[in-house]
Amino acid sequence: QNWQHWQPWYIPPALAAHAHALTADCTVGSRYAPQQADCVVLLHAGIGQSEEMNTLFRFWCYFLRDNFNDKMYNDFKKYADEDAAAEYMYGMECLFRFYSYGLEKGFRVSLYQDFEQLVLKEYKVYNSLYGLEKLWAFHHYSGLPKDAGVDIHPELKELLEGPFKNLECFREEQARRRAALEASDKGEKGKCHKQGHKQQHHQQQQHSNDRQQQHQHLQQQGQQQTQQQQQKQPQQSQPQPQHNGTNGLPLAALEAEVKAS
């Protein structure tokens, strides 16, 4: 197989050497193991943080359809499941595409059983419909071989014959989930806005009360200062009538006595 034949996207330099080694001889464990080990150690730097790891998921998805290898497949499933547990679903989506299209090209009972188990896990644990839709596509376009010796899982059969019997059912459910998520996000934003407005109003009211108390305090201080100043001022003596004459009588009284005599 030629890497460039089926891989139309850009190949990161860090992965190119490993890719050529894998495509050259994928069935020989001595060739694959060291290359794959170096690749995973170097590329799996963090969940969803490595574009090279996403490229490796795509490589497994396409390559294993025509060149199945147990070691590659187990690594594919392991790292996809680890990423899904951290809520990064890209690897699991690649794995589901491998199952859906790969089983059409070459059916394997063990792979199909893994497919069903991971679909149930994704549906129940991760609340996702991607794997279930790929399982529907497999049964719709290909289906189980007559001599497969395996039946569809009862829970999955109930889902695919009931609420998810066609693609329109998947679209409607996905639209319903998106609308519910958007409504939930708006509700959270509205709640935060209401709480923020209430807190702002409370702060404004508190500020107004503080200013009022400060004004009253200044008034009280002014009144106290006025009273203290008044107490410090000396009391003014009452004006005394002027006396000018004998025996302490006023002058006008003396004049009156003189006229009368």
Protein backbone atom coordinates (compact mmCIF):
# COMPACT_ATOMS: atom_id res chain seq x y z
CA GLN A 1 0.00 0.00 0.00
CA ASN A 2 1.14 3.52 -0.81
CA TRP A 3 0.71 6.08 1.93
CA GLN A 4 0.11 8.89 -0.60
CA HIS A 5 -2.54 6.80 -2.36
CA TRP A 6 -5.03 6.89 0.50
CA GLN A 7 -3.70 9.74 2.64
CA PRO A 8 -4.67 13.02 0.91
CA TRP A 9 -3.88 15.29 3.86
CA TYR A 10 -0.60 16.69 5.06
CA ILE A 11 1.80 14.27 6.80
CA PRO A 12 3.60 15.89 9.75
CA PRO A 13 7.38 15.35 9.49
CA ALA A 14 7.42 13.76 12.96
CA LEU A 15 5.13 11.00 11.69
CA ALA A 16 6.35 10.54 8.12
CA ALA A 17 9.24 8.17 8.93
CA HIS A 18 6.97 6.01 11.08
CA ALA A 19 4.29 5.95 8.41
CA HIS A 20 6.66 4.66 5.74
CA ALA A 21 7.94 1.98 8.10
CA LEU A 22 4.40 0.89 8.94
CA THR A 23 3.20 0.80 5.34
CA ALA A 24 6.29 -1.11 4.25
CA ASP A 25 5.64 -4.11 6.46
CA CYS A 26 2.67 -3.89 8.79
CA THR A 27 2.52 -7.60 9.59
CA VAL A 28 5.99 -7.95 11.06
CA GLY A 29 5.93 -7.14 14.76
CA SER A 30 9.67 -6.49 14.91
CA ARG A 31 9.25 -3.65 12.41
CA TYR A 32 6.06 -2.15 13.79
CA ALA A 33 6.66 -2.32 17.55
CA PRO A 34 9.61 0.09 17.92
CA GLN A 35 8.24 2.53 15.37
CA GLN A 36 4.79 2.54 16.96
CA ALA A 37 6.17 2.80 20.48
CA ASP A 38 8.26 5.86 19.59
CA CYS A 39 5.34 7.41 17.76
CA VAL A 40 2.86 7.02 20.61
CA VAL A 41 5.30 8.12 23.31
CA LEU A 42 6.26 11.22 21.36
CA LEU A 43 2.86 12.12 19.97
CA HIS A 44 0.49 11.31 22.82
CA ALA A 45 1.58 14.42 24.71
CA GLY A 46 -1.88 15.21 26.02
CA ILE A 47 -5.52 14.48 25.32
CA GLY A 48 -6.52 16.46 22.24
CA GLN A 49 -3.23 18.39 22.25
CA SER A 50 -1.43 16.63 19.39
CA GLU A 51 -2.37 16.92 15.74
CA GLU A 52 0.13 14.13 15.04
CA MET A 53 -1.89 11.82 17.32
CA ASN A 54 -5.01 12.67 15.35
CA THR A 55 -3.09 11.78 12.18
CA LEU A 56 -2.18 8.45 13.73
CA PHE A 57 -5.86 7.78 14.48
CA ARG A 58 -6.71 8.48 10.84
CA PHE A 59 -3.85 6.23 9.71
CA TRP A 60 -5.19 3.33 11.76
CA CYS A 61 -8.75 3.98 10.55
CA TYR A 62 -7.80 3.63 6.86
CA PHE A 63 -4.85 1.29 6.97
CA LEU A 64 -6.43 -1.47 9.07
CA ARG A 65 -9.36 -1.89 6.69
CA ASP A 66 -7.12 -3.59 4.13
CA ASN A 67 -4.18 -4.60 6.35
CA PHE A 68 -5.60 -5.80 9.64
CA ASN A 69 -3.06 -6.25 12.40
CA ASP A 70 -3.91 -7.23 15.99
CA LYS A 71 -1.19 -5.06 17.52
CA MET A 72 -2.24 -1.97 15.61
CA TYR A 73 -5.91 -2.59 16.29
CA ASN A 74 -5.40 -3.02 20.05
CA ASP A 75 -3.37 0.19 20.19
CA PHE A 76 -6.04 1.97 18.17
CA LYS A 77 -8.79 0.85 20.52
CA LYS A 78 -6.75 1.55 23.67
CA TYR A 79 -5.84 5.15 22.88
CA ALA A 80 -9.25 5.98 21.43
CA ASP A 81 -10.93 4.72 24.59
CA GLU A 82 -8.51 6.67 26.81
CA ASP A 83 -9.24 9.87 24.92
CA ALA A 84 -12.99 9.28 25.12
CA ALA A 85 -12.74 8.88 28.89
CA ALA A 86 -11.28 12.41 28.90
CA GLU A 87 -14.19 13.64 26.72
CA TYR A 88 -12.11 13.88 23.55
CA MET A 89 -13.98 11.79 21.01
CA TYR A 90 -11.95 12.11 17.80
CA GLY A 91 -10.10 8.82 18.22
CA MET A 92 -13.34 6.99 19.02
CA GLU A 93 -15.00 8.48 15.95
CA CYS A 94 -12.13 7.21 13.79
CA LEU A 95 -12.53 3.79 15.40
CA PHE A 96 -16.26 3.72 14.64
CA ARG A 97 -15.59 4.62 11.01
CA PHE A 98 -13.09 1.78 10.85
CA TYR A 99 -15.72 -0.65 12.18
CA SER A 100 -18.52 0.54 9.92
CA TYR A 101 -16.56 0.56 6.65
CA GLY A 102 -14.02 -2.11 7.53
CA LEU A 103 -16.64 -4.73 8.43
CA GLU A 104 -18.29 -4.15 5.07
CA LYS A 105 -15.04 -5.08 3.33
CA GLY A 106 -14.17 -8.00 5.58
CA PHE A 107 -16.44 -9.23 8.36
CA ARG A 108 -14.89 -10.44 11.61
CA VAL A 109 -17.11 -11.60 14.47
CA SER A 110 -14.72 -10.36 17.16
CA LEU A 111 -14.54 -6.89 15.59
CA TYR A 112 -18.29 -6.68 15.28
CA GLN A 113 -18.74 -7.62 18.94
CA ASP A 114 -16.21 -4.93 19.93
CA PHE A 115 -18.15 -2.51 17.74
CA GLU A 116 -21.40 -3.21 19.60
CA GLN A 117 -19.82 -2.97 23.04
CA LEU A 118 -18.19 0.38 22.31
CA VAL A 119 -21.41 1.73 20.77
CA LEU A 120 -23.32 0.85 23.93
CA LYS A 121 -20.62 2.43 26.08
CA GLU A 122 -20.58 5.62 24.04
CA TYR A 123 -24.39 5.86 24.10
CA LYS A 124 -24.75 5.22 27.84
CA VAL A 125 -21.58 6.73 29.31
CA TYR A 126 -20.70 9.56 26.94
CA ASN A 127 -24.27 10.34 25.81
CA SER A 128 -23.21 10.37 22.15
CA LEU A 129 -24.95 9.11 19.01
CA TYR A 130 -21.98 8.90 16.65
CA GLY A 131 -21.23 5.20 17.12
CA LEU A 132 -24.91 4.27 17.07
CA GLU A 133 -25.34 6.07 13.76
CA LYS A 134 -22.34 4.23 12.28
CA LEU A 135 -23.81 0.92 13.49
CA TRP A 136 -27.13 1.83 11.83
CA ALA A 137 -25.23 2.61 8.60
CA PHE A 138 -23.48 -0.77 8.72
CA HIS A 139 -26.75 -2.69 9.10
CA HIS A 140 -28.54 -0.51 6.55
CA TYR A 141 -25.96 -0.75 3.77
CA SER A 142 -24.36 -4.12 4.50
CA GLY A 143 -25.75 -6.03 7.46
CA LEU A 144 -24.60 -9.20 9.13
CA PRO A 145 -23.57 -12.02 6.79
CA LYS A 146 -25.98 -14.93 6.77
CA ASP A 147 -23.30 -17.25 8.08
CA ALA A 148 -21.98 -14.80 10.69
CA GLY A 149 -23.27 -16.84 13.59
CA VAL A 150 -23.96 -13.72 15.64
CA ASP A 151 -27.07 -11.62 16.26
CA ILE A 152 -27.39 -7.95 16.97
CA HIS A 153 -27.35 -7.04 20.65
CA PRO A 154 -30.94 -6.84 22.05
CA GLU A 155 -30.50 -3.29 23.42
CA LEU A 156 -29.07 -2.05 20.14
CA LYS A 157 -31.76 -3.81 18.17
CA GLU A 158 -34.41 -2.07 20.25
CA LEU A 159 -32.79 1.31 19.63
CA LEU A 160 -32.34 0.80 15.88
CA GLU A 161 -35.87 -0.48 15.39
CA GLY A 162 -37.43 2.16 17.64
CA PRO A 163 -36.24 5.74 18.24
CA PHE A 164 -33.36 5.51 15.72
CA LYS A 165 -34.81 3.58 12.81
CA ASN A 166 -33.56 6.01 10.12
CA LEU A 167 -31.19 8.92 9.59
CA GLU A 168 -33.96 11.47 10.08
CA CYS A 169 -34.42 10.19 13.63
CA PHE A 170 -30.74 10.82 14.33
CA ARG A 171 -30.94 14.34 12.89
CA GLU A 172 -34.02 15.20 14.94
CA GLU A 173 -32.46 13.91 18.16
CA GLN A 174 -29.21 15.76 17.50
CA ALA A 175 -31.15 18.98 16.81
CA ARG A 176 -33.13 18.49 20.03
CA ARG A 177 -29.93 18.00 22.03
CA ARG A 178 -28.32 21.10 20.49
CA ALA A 179 -31.39 23.18 21.31
CA ALA A 180 -31.44 21.91 24.88
CA LEU A 181 -27.74 22.68 25.27
CA GLU A 182 -28.17 26.20 23.87
CA ALA A 183 -31.15 26.83 26.17
CA SER A 184 -29.12 25.62 29.12
CA ASP A 185 -26.24 27.93 28.18
CA LYS A 186 -28.62 30.90 27.85
CA GLY A 187 -30.17 30.06 31.19
CA GLU A 188 -26.80 30.00 32.87
CA LYS A 189 -25.82 33.31 31.24
CA GLY A 190 -29.15 34.89 32.27
CA LYS A 191 -28.74 33.65 35.81
CA CYS A 192 -25.23 35.05 36.02
CA HIS A 193 -26.44 38.39 34.57
CA LYS A 194 -29.31 38.58 37.06
CA GLN A 195 -27.01 37.81 39.96
CA GLY A 196 -24.53 40.41 38.73
CA HIS A 197 -27.29 43.05 38.42
CA LYS A 198 -28.58 42.22 41.89
CA GLN A 199 -25.09 42.47 43.33
CA GLN A 200 -24.51 45.80 41.56
CA HIS A 201 -27.81 47.16 42.92
CA HIS A 202 -26.84 46.03 46.42
CA GLN A 203 -23.46 47.76 46.10
CA GLN A 204 -25.10 50.97 44.90
CA GLN A 205 -27.57 50.89 47.79
CA GLN A 206 -24.76 50.26 50.25
CA HIS A 207 -22.79 53.16 48.79
CA SER A 208 -25.83 55.45 49.13
CA ASN A 209 -26.32 54.41 52.76
CA ASP A 210 -22.64 55.02 53.49
CA ARG A 211 -22.82 58.53 52.01
CA GLN A 212 -25.95 59.33 54.01
CA GLN A 213 -24.32 58.15 57.23
CA GLN A 214 -21.22 60.20 56.43
CA HIS A 215 -23.37 63.30 55.84
CA GLN A 216 -25.17 62.84 59.15
CA HIS A 217 -21.86 62.39 60.94
CA LEU A 218 -20.52 65.64 59.46
CA GLN A 219 -23.68 67.48 60.56
CA GLN A 220 -23.29 66.20 64.11
CA GLN A 221 -19.65 67.26 64.15
CA GLY A 222 -20.61 70.77 62.97
CA GLN A 223 -23.25 71.12 65.68
CA GLN A 224 -20.83 69.99 68.37
CA GLN A 225 -18.19 72.47 67.22
CA THR A 226 -20.73 75.33 67.28
CA GLN A 227 -21.81 74.47 70.82
CA GLN A 228 -18.20 74.32 72.00
CA GLN A 229 -17.44 77.74 70.51
CA GLN A 230 -20.46 79.27 72.18
CA GLN A 231 -19.41 77.90 75.58
CA LYS A 232 -15.89 79.35 75.22
CA GLN A 233 -17.06 82.97 74.49
CA PRO A 234 -17.13 85.26 77.71
CA GLN A 235 -20.56 86.41 78.78
CA GLN A 236 -21.12 90.10 77.98
CA SER A 237 -22.03 92.29 81.01
CA GLN A 238 -25.38 93.99 81.01
CA PRO A 239 -25.20 97.79 80.34
CA GLN A 240 -25.43 99.80 83.55
CA PRO A 241 -27.32 103.06 83.70
CA GLN A 242 -25.07 106.03 83.87
CA HIS A 243 -25.16 107.99 87.18
CA ASN A 244 -24.15 111.58 87.47
CA GLY A 245 -25.14 113.39 90.57
CA THR A 246 -25.49 113.31 94.26
CA ASN A 247 -26.50 110.35 96.28
CA GLY A 248 -26.22 108.19 93.34
CA LEU A 249 -29.37 109.66 91.69
CA PRO A 250 -29.48 110.14 88.00
CA LEU A 251 -28.92 113.63 86.61
CA ALA A 252 -32.43 113.89 85.24
CA ALA A 253 -33.85 113.16 88.70
CA LEU A 254 -31.76 115.91 90.26
CA GLU A 255 -32.94 118.41 87.69
CA ALA A 256 -36.52 117.49 88.43
CA GLU A 257 -35.99 118.06 92.13
CA VAL A 258 -34.39 121.47 91.50
CA LYS A 259 -37.33 122.64 89.39
CA ALA A 260 -39.77 121.46 91.96
CA SER A 261 -38.06 123.36 94.75
